[in-house]
């Protein structure tokens, strides 16, 4: 039997609180979610929550930070198996949209509930968003070095264009009452539209 330390038990309880918070925010909405509901879902007393987090906003931001950090690691692992920047862009697009199905609670929090927090909008100073966007930059930069992509397009603009398209489509998918789009096909079409603008042609 594995021996667990106090630190292990605290880490386990903290992780359980965050998972319960993601489910609660996704189902109740950030504004309507209560600390007591998160505590009940995690199987802890209300006061226990405050041993780990100051308030509901801090829980939300932590869910975001840790979820995106994990997602970036998973994406890097998947993308490392591909060599072509074009294939990587297509894969990245699919992985992003597929979060709606594979991690629905996290997707709902990131796409919808996070934007309801004034604290996040005004005070967020973490690096997760930048790290996520830099995944796209790395792919685009590799494509430029391989003479596949145009060099006259600023990477800072390009990465936000792709992210914006995927972000908007993810939100539409989450809010849709009826499933209207196939995620694989949608990811391919978004990637194709983007890649057609990035790829070199005779005029460029």
N, C-alpha and C. Protein backbone atom coordinates (compact mmCIF):
# COMPACT_ATOMS: atom_id res chain seq x y z
N UNK A 1 0.85 -1.20 0.00
CA UNK A 1 0.00 0.00 0.00
C UNK A 1 0.88 1.25 0.00
N UNK A 2 0.53 2.17 -0.86
CA UNK A 2 1.35 3.38 -1.00
C UNK A 2 1.11 4.33 0.17
N UNK A 3 2.20 4.80 0.76
CA UNK A 3 2.10 5.78 1.83
C UNK A 3 1.95 7.17 1.25
N UNK A 4 0.99 7.92 1.77
CA UNK A 4 0.78 9.28 1.28
C UNK A 4 1.15 10.27 2.37
N UNK A 5 1.78 11.33 1.97
CA UNK A 5 2.19 12.37 2.91
C UNK A 5 1.09 13.41 3.03
N UNK A 6 1.25 14.32 3.97
CA UNK A 6 0.29 15.41 4.14
C UNK A 6 0.25 16.26 2.87
N UNK A 7 1.43 16.48 2.29
CA UNK A 7 1.50 17.28 1.06
C UNK A 7 0.75 16.59 -0.07
N UNK A 8 0.87 15.27 -0.15
CA UNK A 8 0.16 14.51 -1.18
C UNK A 8 -1.35 14.65 -1.00
N UNK A 9 -1.80 14.54 0.24
CA UNK A 9 -3.24 14.63 0.51
C UNK A 9 -3.77 16.03 0.22
N UNK A 10 -2.96 17.03 0.54
CA UNK A 10 -3.37 18.41 0.24
C UNK A 10 -3.46 18.63 -1.27
N UNK A 11 -2.49 18.12 -2.00
CA UNK A 11 -2.48 18.27 -3.45
C UNK A 11 -3.67 17.55 -4.08
N UNK A 12 -3.97 16.37 -3.53
CA UNK A 12 -5.11 15.60 -4.03
C UNK A 12 -6.42 16.32 -3.78
N UNK A 13 -6.55 16.90 -2.57
CA UNK A 13 -7.78 17.63 -2.23
C UNK A 13 -7.91 18.90 -3.08
N UNK A 14 -6.80 19.59 -3.29
CA UNK A 14 -6.81 20.80 -4.12
C UNK A 14 -7.23 20.46 -5.54
N UNK A 15 -6.71 19.37 -6.08
CA UNK A 15 -7.06 18.96 -7.43
C UNK A 15 -8.55 18.60 -7.53
N UNK A 16 -9.05 17.95 -6.50
CA UNK A 16 -10.47 17.58 -6.48
C UNK A 16 -11.35 18.83 -6.45
N UNK A 17 -10.93 19.83 -5.69
CA UNK A 17 -11.68 21.09 -5.62
C UNK A 17 -11.72 21.76 -7.00
N UNK A 18 -10.58 21.78 -7.69
CA UNK A 18 -10.52 22.42 -9.00
C UNK A 18 -11.39 21.70 -10.02
N UNK A 19 -11.37 20.38 -9.99
CA UNK A 19 -12.20 19.60 -10.93
C UNK A 19 -13.68 19.84 -10.64
N UNK A 20 -14.03 19.88 -9.37
CA UNK A 20 -15.41 20.13 -8.97
C UNK A 20 -15.83 21.54 -9.35
N UNK A 21 -14.90 22.48 -9.22
CA UNK A 21 -15.19 23.87 -9.58
C UNK A 21 -15.46 23.99 -11.07
N UNK A 22 -14.65 23.31 -11.89
CA UNK A 22 -14.85 23.35 -13.35
C UNK A 22 -16.24 22.83 -13.71
N UNK A 23 -16.64 21.73 -13.08
CA UNK A 23 -17.97 21.17 -13.36
C UNK A 23 -19.07 22.11 -12.90
N UNK A 24 -18.88 22.71 -11.72
CA UNK A 24 -19.88 23.62 -11.18
C UNK A 24 -20.01 24.88 -12.02
N UNK A 25 -18.88 25.47 -12.41
CA UNK A 25 -18.92 26.66 -13.25
C UNK A 25 -19.58 26.36 -14.59
N UNK A 26 -19.27 25.19 -15.15
CA UNK A 26 -19.81 24.82 -16.47
C UNK A 26 -21.32 24.60 -16.40
N UNK A 27 -21.80 24.02 -15.31
CA UNK A 27 -23.23 23.71 -15.21
C UNK A 27 -24.07 24.85 -14.65
N UNK A 28 -23.52 25.59 -13.69
CA UNK A 28 -24.29 26.65 -13.03
C UNK A 28 -24.01 28.03 -13.62
N UNK A 29 -22.82 28.20 -14.23
CA UNK A 29 -22.39 29.52 -14.66
C UNK A 29 -21.58 30.16 -13.56
N UNK A 30 -20.58 30.95 -13.90
CA UNK A 30 -19.68 31.51 -12.90
C UNK A 30 -20.40 32.38 -11.88
N UNK A 31 -21.29 33.26 -12.35
CA UNK A 31 -21.96 34.17 -11.42
C UNK A 31 -22.90 33.44 -10.46
N UNK A 32 -23.56 32.42 -10.95
CA UNK A 32 -24.53 31.71 -10.12
C UNK A 32 -23.91 30.63 -9.25
N UNK A 33 -22.72 30.19 -9.60
CA UNK A 33 -22.05 29.14 -8.82
C UNK A 33 -21.69 29.66 -7.43
N UNK A 34 -21.86 28.84 -6.44
CA UNK A 34 -21.55 29.21 -5.06
C UNK A 34 -20.41 28.34 -4.52
N UNK A 35 -19.65 28.92 -3.60
CA UNK A 35 -18.57 28.17 -2.97
C UNK A 35 -19.12 26.91 -2.32
N UNK A 36 -20.30 27.00 -1.73
CA UNK A 36 -20.90 25.84 -1.06
C UNK A 36 -21.18 24.71 -2.05
N UNK A 37 -21.55 25.07 -3.28
CA UNK A 37 -21.82 24.05 -4.30
C UNK A 37 -20.53 23.36 -4.74
N UNK A 38 -19.47 24.16 -4.86
CA UNK A 38 -18.16 23.59 -5.22
C UNK A 38 -17.69 22.66 -4.11
N UNK A 39 -17.85 23.10 -2.87
CA UNK A 39 -17.43 22.29 -1.72
C UNK A 39 -18.21 20.98 -1.67
N UNK A 40 -19.52 21.07 -1.90
CA UNK A 40 -20.35 19.86 -1.86
C UNK A 40 -19.92 18.87 -2.94
N UNK A 41 -19.66 19.39 -4.14
CA UNK A 41 -19.25 18.53 -5.24
C UNK A 41 -17.90 17.88 -4.98
N UNK A 42 -17.04 18.59 -4.23
CA UNK A 42 -15.70 18.08 -3.93
C UNK A 42 -15.69 17.21 -2.68
N UNK A 43 -16.82 17.20 -1.96
CA UNK A 43 -16.89 16.40 -0.75
C UNK A 43 -16.10 16.98 0.41
N UNK A 44 -16.04 18.32 0.48
CA UNK A 44 -15.32 18.98 1.57
C UNK A 44 -16.22 20.03 2.21
N UNK A 45 -15.81 20.51 3.38
CA UNK A 45 -16.56 21.58 4.05
C UNK A 45 -16.32 22.90 3.33
N UNK A 46 -17.30 23.81 3.43
CA UNK A 46 -17.16 25.11 2.77
C UNK A 46 -15.86 25.81 3.16
N UNK A 47 -15.55 25.77 4.46
CA UNK A 47 -14.36 26.46 4.95
C UNK A 47 -13.07 25.90 4.39
N UNK A 48 -13.09 24.63 4.00
CA UNK A 48 -11.88 24.01 3.44
C UNK A 48 -11.45 24.70 2.16
N UNK A 49 -12.41 25.16 1.38
CA UNK A 49 -12.10 25.85 0.12
C UNK A 49 -11.16 27.02 0.37
N UNK A 50 -11.43 27.75 1.46
CA UNK A 50 -10.65 28.97 1.74
C UNK A 50 -9.25 28.68 2.28
N UNK A 51 -8.97 27.43 2.55
CA UNK A 51 -7.61 27.06 2.93
C UNK A 51 -6.71 27.00 1.69
N UNK A 52 -7.35 26.91 0.53
CA UNK A 52 -6.62 26.78 -0.73
C UNK A 52 -6.77 28.00 -1.64
N UNK A 53 -7.92 28.66 -1.57
CA UNK A 53 -8.19 29.78 -2.47
C UNK A 53 -8.86 30.93 -1.71
N UNK A 54 -8.56 32.16 -2.13
CA UNK A 54 -9.10 33.33 -1.46
C UNK A 54 -10.58 33.53 -1.76
N UNK A 55 -10.96 33.31 -3.01
CA UNK A 55 -12.33 33.57 -3.42
C UNK A 55 -12.66 32.81 -4.71
N UNK A 56 -13.86 33.01 -5.20
CA UNK A 56 -14.33 32.29 -6.38
C UNK A 56 -13.54 32.69 -7.63
N UNK A 57 -13.16 33.96 -7.73
CA UNK A 57 -12.38 34.42 -8.88
C UNK A 57 -11.03 33.70 -8.95
N UNK A 58 -10.40 33.55 -7.79
CA UNK A 58 -9.10 32.88 -7.77
C UNK A 58 -9.23 31.41 -8.19
N UNK A 59 -10.32 30.79 -7.80
CA UNK A 59 -10.56 29.40 -8.22
C UNK A 59 -10.69 29.34 -9.73
N UNK A 60 -11.47 30.25 -10.30
CA UNK A 60 -11.69 30.29 -11.74
C UNK A 60 -10.38 30.47 -12.49
N UNK A 61 -9.57 31.43 -12.06
CA UNK A 61 -8.31 31.71 -12.72
C UNK A 61 -7.36 30.51 -12.60
N UNK A 62 -7.38 29.84 -11.44
CA UNK A 62 -6.52 28.67 -11.26
C UNK A 62 -6.95 27.52 -12.15
N UNK A 63 -8.26 27.33 -12.27
CA UNK A 63 -8.78 26.29 -13.19
C UNK A 63 -8.26 26.57 -14.60
N UNK A 64 -8.32 27.82 -14.99
CA UNK A 64 -7.86 28.21 -16.33
C UNK A 64 -6.36 27.96 -16.49
N UNK A 65 -5.58 28.49 -15.57
CA UNK A 65 -4.12 28.38 -15.66
C UNK A 65 -3.67 26.92 -15.73
N UNK A 66 -4.17 26.11 -14.83
CA UNK A 66 -3.71 24.73 -14.77
C UNK A 66 -4.26 23.89 -15.92
N UNK A 67 -5.47 24.20 -16.35
CA UNK A 67 -6.05 23.47 -17.48
C UNK A 67 -5.29 23.77 -18.76
N UNK A 68 -5.01 25.04 -19.00
CA UNK A 68 -4.30 25.42 -20.22
C UNK A 68 -2.87 24.88 -20.19
N UNK A 69 -2.25 24.91 -19.02
CA UNK A 69 -0.90 24.36 -18.91
C UNK A 69 -0.87 22.89 -19.29
N UNK A 70 -1.85 22.14 -18.80
CA UNK A 70 -1.95 20.71 -19.13
C UNK A 70 -2.24 20.52 -20.62
N UNK A 71 -3.13 21.33 -21.17
CA UNK A 71 -3.48 21.23 -22.58
C UNK A 71 -2.27 21.49 -23.47
N UNK A 72 -1.47 22.50 -23.10
CA UNK A 72 -0.27 22.81 -23.88
C UNK A 72 0.68 21.62 -23.90
N UNK A 73 0.87 20.99 -22.77
CA UNK A 73 1.75 19.82 -22.71
C UNK A 73 1.22 18.68 -23.59
N UNK A 74 -0.09 18.47 -23.56
CA UNK A 74 -0.70 17.43 -24.38
C UNK A 74 -0.57 17.75 -25.87
N UNK A 75 -0.79 19.02 -26.21
CA UNK A 75 -0.69 19.44 -27.61
C UNK A 75 0.74 19.26 -28.12
N UNK A 76 1.70 19.65 -27.31
CA UNK A 76 3.10 19.53 -27.73
C UNK A 76 3.46 18.07 -28.01
N UNK A 77 2.95 17.18 -27.18
CA UNK A 77 3.21 15.77 -27.37
C UNK A 77 2.63 15.29 -28.70
N UNK A 78 1.41 15.69 -28.99
CA UNK A 78 0.76 15.30 -30.25
C UNK A 78 1.48 15.91 -31.46
N UNK A 79 1.82 17.18 -31.36
CA UNK A 79 2.45 17.87 -32.49
C UNK A 79 3.87 17.38 -32.75
N UNK A 80 4.53 16.88 -31.72
CA UNK A 80 5.91 16.41 -31.88
C UNK A 80 6.00 15.19 -32.79
N UNK A 81 4.88 14.55 -33.02
CA UNK A 81 4.86 13.36 -33.86
C UNK A 81 4.75 13.70 -35.35
N UNK A 82 4.58 14.99 -35.64
CA UNK A 82 4.46 15.44 -37.03
C UNK A 82 5.66 16.29 -37.40
N UNK A 83 6.02 16.30 -38.67
CA UNK A 83 7.17 17.09 -39.11
C UNK A 83 6.76 18.29 -39.97
N UNK A 84 5.70 18.16 -40.72
CA UNK A 84 5.27 19.23 -41.62
C UNK A 84 4.51 20.32 -40.87
N UNK A 85 4.91 21.59 -41.02
CA UNK A 85 4.17 22.70 -40.38
C UNK A 85 2.72 22.74 -40.82
N UNK A 86 2.45 22.37 -42.05
CA UNK A 86 1.07 22.37 -42.54
C UNK A 86 0.26 21.31 -41.80
N UNK A 87 0.83 20.13 -41.66
CA UNK A 87 0.14 19.06 -40.91
C UNK A 87 -0.04 19.46 -39.46
N UNK A 88 0.94 20.16 -38.91
CA UNK A 88 0.85 20.59 -37.51
C UNK A 88 -0.27 21.61 -37.32
N UNK A 89 -0.45 22.51 -38.27
CA UNK A 89 -1.53 23.49 -38.16
C UNK A 89 -2.89 22.80 -38.20
N UNK A 90 -3.01 21.80 -39.08
CA UNK A 90 -4.27 21.06 -39.17
C UNK A 90 -4.53 20.30 -37.87
N UNK A 91 -3.48 19.70 -37.34
CA UNK A 91 -3.63 18.94 -36.09
C UNK A 91 -3.96 19.86 -34.93
N UNK A 92 -3.29 21.00 -34.86
CA UNK A 92 -3.55 21.97 -33.79
C UNK A 92 -5.01 22.41 -33.85
N UNK A 93 -5.50 22.70 -35.04
CA UNK A 93 -6.89 23.15 -35.20
C UNK A 93 -7.86 22.08 -34.69
N UNK A 94 -7.59 20.84 -35.03
CA UNK A 94 -8.46 19.75 -34.58
C UNK A 94 -8.39 19.59 -33.06
N UNK A 95 -7.18 19.61 -32.52
CA UNK A 95 -7.03 19.44 -31.07
C UNK A 95 -7.78 20.53 -30.30
N UNK A 96 -7.70 21.75 -30.82
CA UNK A 96 -8.38 22.87 -30.16
C UNK A 96 -9.89 22.65 -30.15
N UNK A 97 -10.46 22.35 -31.31
CA UNK A 97 -11.91 22.16 -31.38
C UNK A 97 -12.35 20.92 -30.63
N UNK A 98 -11.51 19.90 -30.62
CA UNK A 98 -11.87 18.64 -29.98
C UNK A 98 -11.98 18.75 -28.47
N UNK A 99 -11.43 19.82 -27.90
CA UNK A 99 -11.55 20.03 -26.45
C UNK A 99 -13.02 20.15 -26.03
N UNK A 100 -13.84 20.62 -26.95
CA UNK A 100 -15.27 20.76 -26.66
C UNK A 100 -15.88 19.40 -26.32
N UNK A 101 -15.38 18.34 -26.96
CA UNK A 101 -15.91 17.00 -26.70
C UNK A 101 -15.13 16.26 -25.62
N UNK A 102 -13.79 16.39 -25.64
CA UNK A 102 -12.98 15.62 -24.72
C UNK A 102 -12.90 16.23 -23.32
N UNK A 103 -12.98 17.55 -23.24
CA UNK A 103 -12.93 18.23 -21.94
C UNK A 103 -14.02 19.31 -21.89
N UNK A 104 -15.28 18.89 -21.92
CA UNK A 104 -16.39 19.86 -22.01
C UNK A 104 -16.46 20.87 -20.87
N UNK A 105 -16.16 20.42 -19.64
CA UNK A 105 -16.21 21.35 -18.51
C UNK A 105 -15.15 22.44 -18.65
N UNK A 106 -13.94 22.03 -18.97
CA UNK A 106 -12.85 22.99 -19.15
C UNK A 106 -13.14 23.92 -20.32
N UNK A 107 -13.66 23.35 -21.42
CA UNK A 107 -13.97 24.15 -22.60
C UNK A 107 -15.02 25.21 -22.27
N UNK A 108 -16.04 24.82 -21.52
CA UNK A 108 -17.09 25.78 -21.15
C UNK A 108 -16.54 26.89 -20.27
N UNK A 109 -15.67 26.53 -19.33
CA UNK A 109 -15.06 27.52 -18.44
C UNK A 109 -14.21 28.50 -19.25
N UNK A 110 -13.35 27.98 -20.12
CA UNK A 110 -12.44 28.82 -20.89
C UNK A 110 -13.18 29.67 -21.90
N UNK A 111 -14.14 29.08 -22.59
CA UNK A 111 -14.83 29.80 -23.66
C UNK A 111 -15.89 30.77 -23.16
N UNK A 112 -16.54 30.43 -22.05
CA UNK A 112 -17.68 31.23 -21.62
C UNK A 112 -17.51 31.88 -20.25
N UNK A 113 -17.28 31.06 -19.23
CA UNK A 113 -17.35 31.57 -17.86
C UNK A 113 -16.19 32.48 -17.50
N UNK A 114 -15.02 32.20 -18.05
CA UNK A 114 -13.84 33.01 -17.72
C UNK A 114 -14.07 34.48 -18.07
N UNK A 115 -14.82 34.71 -19.11
CA UNK A 115 -15.04 36.07 -19.60
C UNK A 115 -16.09 36.81 -18.79
N UNK A 116 -16.67 36.09 -17.81
CA UNK A 116 -17.63 36.73 -16.92
C UNK A 116 -16.95 37.29 -15.67
N UNK A 117 -15.65 37.02 -15.53
CA UNK A 117 -14.94 37.46 -14.35
C UNK A 117 -14.23 38.79 -14.61
N UNK A 118 -14.68 39.84 -13.96
CA UNK A 118 -14.04 41.15 -14.11
C UNK A 118 -12.60 41.11 -13.62
N UNK A 119 -12.36 40.32 -12.58
CA UNK A 119 -11.01 40.21 -12.01
C UNK A 119 -10.07 39.63 -13.06
N UNK A 120 -10.52 38.62 -13.76
CA UNK A 120 -9.67 38.01 -14.79
C UNK A 120 -9.40 39.01 -15.91
N UNK A 121 -10.43 39.65 -16.39
CA UNK A 121 -10.30 40.58 -17.51
C UNK A 121 -9.36 41.74 -17.15
N UNK A 122 -9.47 42.26 -15.92
CA UNK A 122 -8.70 43.43 -15.52
C UNK A 122 -7.32 43.11 -14.98
N UNK A 123 -7.19 41.96 -14.30
CA UNK A 123 -5.97 41.72 -13.54
C UNK A 123 -5.14 40.53 -14.00
N UNK A 124 -5.61 39.76 -14.97
CA UNK A 124 -4.87 38.56 -15.35
C UNK A 124 -3.47 38.90 -15.83
N UNK A 125 -2.49 38.26 -15.23
CA UNK A 125 -1.09 38.54 -15.59
C UNK A 125 -0.31 37.25 -15.84
N UNK A 126 -1.04 36.15 -15.97
CA UNK A 126 -0.38 34.87 -16.21
C UNK A 126 0.15 34.75 -17.63
N UNK A 127 0.84 33.65 -17.88
CA UNK A 127 1.48 33.47 -19.19
C UNK A 127 0.79 32.41 -20.04
N UNK A 128 -0.26 31.79 -19.53
CA UNK A 128 -0.87 30.66 -20.24
C UNK A 128 -1.38 31.03 -21.63
N UNK A 129 -2.04 32.18 -21.74
CA UNK A 129 -2.56 32.59 -23.04
C UNK A 129 -1.41 32.81 -24.02
N UNK A 130 -0.36 33.49 -23.56
CA UNK A 130 0.79 33.74 -24.42
C UNK A 130 1.47 32.43 -24.82
N UNK A 131 1.59 31.51 -23.87
CA UNK A 131 2.21 30.22 -24.16
C UNK A 131 1.41 29.45 -25.20
N UNK A 132 0.10 29.53 -25.10
CA UNK A 132 -0.77 28.83 -26.04
C UNK A 132 -0.63 29.43 -27.45
N UNK A 133 -0.65 30.74 -27.52
CA UNK A 133 -0.48 31.41 -28.81
C UNK A 133 0.89 31.14 -29.40
N UNK A 134 1.89 31.01 -28.54
CA UNK A 134 3.25 30.76 -29.03
C UNK A 134 3.39 29.38 -29.67
N UNK A 135 2.50 28.46 -29.30
CA UNK A 135 2.49 27.16 -30.00
C UNK A 135 2.23 27.37 -31.49
N UNK A 136 1.29 28.26 -31.78
CA UNK A 136 0.97 28.57 -33.18
C UNK A 136 2.15 29.28 -33.83
N UNK A 137 2.75 30.23 -33.11
CA UNK A 137 3.89 30.98 -33.64
C UNK A 137 5.04 30.04 -34.04
N UNK A 138 5.30 29.06 -33.19
CA UNK A 138 6.40 28.13 -33.46
C UNK A 138 6.16 27.37 -34.76
N UNK A 139 4.92 26.96 -34.98
CA UNK A 139 4.59 26.24 -36.21
C UNK A 139 4.76 27.16 -37.42
N UNK A 140 4.26 28.38 -37.30
CA UNK A 140 4.33 29.33 -38.42
C UNK A 140 5.78 29.71 -38.73
N UNK A 141 6.57 29.90 -37.69
CA UNK A 141 7.98 30.25 -37.89
C UNK A 141 8.72 29.13 -38.59
N UNK A 142 8.42 27.88 -38.22
CA UNK A 142 9.05 26.74 -38.88
C UNK A 142 8.65 26.70 -40.35
N UNK A 143 7.39 27.03 -40.63
CA UNK A 143 6.92 27.06 -42.02
C UNK A 143 7.59 28.14 -42.84
N UNK A 144 7.87 29.27 -42.21
CA UNK A 144 8.59 30.34 -42.91
C UNK A 144 10.03 29.93 -43.20
N UNK A 145 10.66 29.29 -42.23
CA UNK A 145 12.05 28.85 -42.43
C UNK A 145 12.15 27.80 -43.54
N UNK A 146 11.10 27.01 -43.69
CA UNK A 146 11.09 25.98 -44.73
C UNK A 146 10.57 26.52 -46.07
N UNK A 147 10.36 27.83 -46.11
CA UNK A 147 9.89 28.48 -47.34
C UNK A 147 8.49 28.03 -47.76
N UNK A 148 7.71 27.58 -46.79
CA UNK A 148 6.34 27.16 -47.08
C UNK A 148 5.36 28.31 -46.90
N UNK A 149 5.64 29.17 -45.91
CA UNK A 149 4.75 30.26 -45.59
C UNK A 149 5.37 31.60 -45.95
N UNK A 150 4.51 32.54 -46.22
CA UNK A 150 4.94 33.88 -46.58
C UNK A 150 5.68 34.55 -45.42
N UNK A 151 6.70 35.31 -45.76
CA UNK A 151 7.49 36.02 -44.75
C UNK A 151 6.98 37.44 -44.52
N UNK A 152 6.04 37.88 -45.34
CA UNK A 152 5.56 39.25 -45.22
C UNK A 152 4.38 39.38 -44.26
N UNK A 153 3.97 38.28 -43.68
CA UNK A 153 2.87 38.31 -42.72
C UNK A 153 3.43 38.23 -41.30
N UNK A 154 3.06 39.17 -40.47
CA UNK A 154 3.56 39.24 -39.10
C UNK A 154 3.00 38.08 -38.29
N UNK A 155 3.88 37.33 -37.63
CA UNK A 155 3.45 36.17 -36.87
C UNK A 155 2.51 36.54 -35.72
N UNK A 156 2.74 37.71 -35.14
CA UNK A 156 1.88 38.15 -34.04
C UNK A 156 0.43 38.34 -34.48
N UNK A 157 0.26 38.75 -35.73
CA UNK A 157 -1.09 38.90 -36.28
C UNK A 157 -1.64 37.54 -36.68
N UNK A 158 -0.82 36.77 -37.38
CA UNK A 158 -1.27 35.47 -37.90
C UNK A 158 -1.74 34.53 -36.80
N UNK A 159 -0.97 34.45 -35.71
CA UNK A 159 -1.35 33.50 -34.65
C UNK A 159 -2.68 33.89 -34.02
N UNK A 160 -2.95 35.18 -33.93
CA UNK A 160 -4.21 35.64 -33.34
C UNK A 160 -5.38 35.44 -34.30
N UNK A 161 -5.11 35.49 -35.58
CA UNK A 161 -6.16 35.23 -36.57
C UNK A 161 -6.63 33.78 -36.46
N UNK A 162 -5.69 32.84 -36.41
CA UNK A 162 -6.07 31.43 -36.29
C UNK A 162 -6.74 31.16 -34.95
N UNK A 163 -6.15 31.68 -33.88
CA UNK A 163 -6.74 31.47 -32.56
C UNK A 163 -8.15 32.05 -32.50
N UNK A 164 -8.32 33.23 -33.07
CA UNK A 164 -9.63 33.88 -33.05
C UNK A 164 -10.69 33.06 -33.76
N UNK A 165 -10.33 32.48 -34.89
CA UNK A 165 -11.27 31.65 -35.65
C UNK A 165 -11.65 30.40 -34.86
N UNK A 166 -10.65 29.74 -34.28
CA UNK A 166 -10.90 28.52 -33.51
C UNK A 166 -11.67 28.84 -32.23
N UNK A 167 -11.33 29.94 -31.60
CA UNK A 167 -12.00 30.37 -30.37
C UNK A 167 -13.48 30.65 -30.62
N UNK A 168 -13.77 31.37 -31.68
CA UNK A 168 -15.15 31.70 -32.03
C UNK A 168 -15.95 30.44 -32.35
N UNK A 169 -15.32 29.55 -33.12
CA UNK A 169 -16.04 28.34 -33.53
C UNK A 169 -16.29 27.44 -32.32
N UNK A 170 -15.35 27.38 -31.40
CA UNK A 170 -15.54 26.58 -30.18
C UNK A 170 -16.72 27.12 -29.38
N UNK A 171 -16.81 28.44 -29.26
CA UNK A 171 -17.90 29.05 -28.52
C UNK A 171 -19.25 28.74 -29.16
N UNK A 172 -19.30 28.86 -30.48
CA UNK A 172 -20.54 28.54 -31.22
C UNK A 172 -20.94 27.09 -30.98
N UNK A 173 -19.96 26.19 -31.01
CA UNK A 173 -20.22 24.77 -30.82
C UNK A 173 -20.76 24.48 -29.43
N UNK A 174 -20.20 25.13 -28.41
CA UNK A 174 -20.65 24.92 -27.03
C UNK A 174 -22.08 25.43 -26.85
N UNK A 175 -22.38 26.56 -27.46
CA UNK A 175 -23.70 27.18 -27.29
C UNK A 175 -24.79 26.55 -28.15
N UNK A 176 -24.40 25.84 -29.21
CA UNK A 176 -25.36 25.27 -30.15
C UNK A 176 -26.24 24.22 -29.47
N UNK A 177 -27.54 24.34 -29.63
CA UNK A 177 -28.47 23.37 -29.05
C UNK A 177 -28.43 22.06 -29.82
N UNK A 178 -28.24 22.17 -31.11
CA UNK A 178 -28.14 20.99 -31.96
C UNK A 178 -26.77 20.98 -32.62
N UNK A 179 -26.15 19.80 -32.69
CA UNK A 179 -24.83 19.70 -33.30
C UNK A 179 -24.94 19.90 -34.81
N UNK A 180 -24.38 21.01 -35.30
CA UNK A 180 -24.50 21.34 -36.72
C UNK A 180 -23.25 21.03 -37.52
N UNK A 181 -22.13 20.90 -36.81
CA UNK A 181 -20.86 20.76 -37.52
C UNK A 181 -20.09 19.54 -37.03
N UNK A 182 -19.42 18.90 -37.95
CA UNK A 182 -18.49 17.84 -37.60
C UNK A 182 -17.17 18.48 -37.22
N UNK A 183 -16.64 18.18 -36.04
CA UNK A 183 -15.45 18.86 -35.55
C UNK A 183 -14.22 18.62 -36.43
N UNK A 184 -14.06 17.39 -36.90
CA UNK A 184 -12.91 17.07 -37.75
C UNK A 184 -12.97 17.87 -39.05
N UNK A 185 -14.12 17.86 -39.68
CA UNK A 185 -14.30 18.60 -40.94
C UNK A 185 -14.16 20.10 -40.71
N UNK A 186 -14.72 20.59 -39.62
CA UNK A 186 -14.65 22.02 -39.32
C UNK A 186 -13.20 22.45 -39.10
N UNK A 187 -12.45 21.64 -38.35
CA UNK A 187 -11.04 21.96 -38.10
C UNK A 187 -10.25 21.99 -39.40
N UNK A 188 -10.52 21.04 -40.28
CA UNK A 188 -9.81 20.99 -41.56
C UNK A 188 -10.13 22.22 -42.41
N UNK A 189 -11.40 22.63 -42.42
CA UNK A 189 -11.77 23.78 -43.24
C UNK A 189 -11.19 25.08 -42.69
N UNK A 190 -11.23 25.24 -41.37
CA UNK A 190 -10.63 26.44 -40.77
C UNK A 190 -9.14 26.48 -41.07
N UNK A 191 -8.46 25.33 -40.92
CA UNK A 191 -7.03 25.26 -41.20
C UNK A 191 -6.74 25.54 -42.67
N UNK A 192 -7.55 25.01 -43.55
CA UNK A 192 -7.34 25.21 -44.99
C UNK A 192 -7.48 26.68 -45.37
N UNK A 193 -8.48 27.34 -44.82
CA UNK A 193 -8.68 28.77 -45.09
C UNK A 193 -7.47 29.56 -44.62
N UNK A 194 -6.99 29.24 -43.42
CA UNK A 194 -5.84 29.94 -42.86
C UNK A 194 -4.57 29.65 -43.65
N UNK A 195 -4.34 28.38 -43.95
CA UNK A 195 -3.13 27.98 -44.65
C UNK A 195 -3.07 28.56 -46.06
N UNK A 196 -4.23 28.67 -46.72
CA UNK A 196 -4.25 29.23 -48.07
C UNK A 196 -3.79 30.68 -48.08
N UNK A 197 -4.00 31.37 -46.96
CA UNK A 197 -3.54 32.75 -46.84
C UNK A 197 -2.07 32.85 -46.46
N UNK A 198 -1.58 31.81 -45.80
CA UNK A 198 -0.18 31.81 -45.34
C UNK A 198 0.79 31.26 -46.39
N UNK A 199 0.32 30.33 -47.20
CA UNK A 199 1.23 29.67 -48.14
C UNK A 199 1.72 30.62 -49.22
N UNK A 200 2.94 30.40 -49.66
CA UNK A 200 3.53 31.22 -50.72
C UNK A 200 2.83 30.93 -52.04
N UNK A 201 2.76 31.98 -52.86
CA UNK A 201 2.27 31.80 -54.23
C UNK A 201 3.18 32.61 -55.15
N UNK A 202 2.90 32.61 -56.42
CA UNK A 202 3.78 33.27 -57.38
C UNK A 202 3.92 34.75 -57.12
N UNK A 203 2.86 35.39 -56.66
CA UNK A 203 2.90 36.83 -56.43
C UNK A 203 3.68 37.20 -55.18
N UNK A 204 3.75 36.27 -54.21
CA UNK A 204 4.45 36.58 -52.98
C UNK A 204 5.91 36.18 -53.08
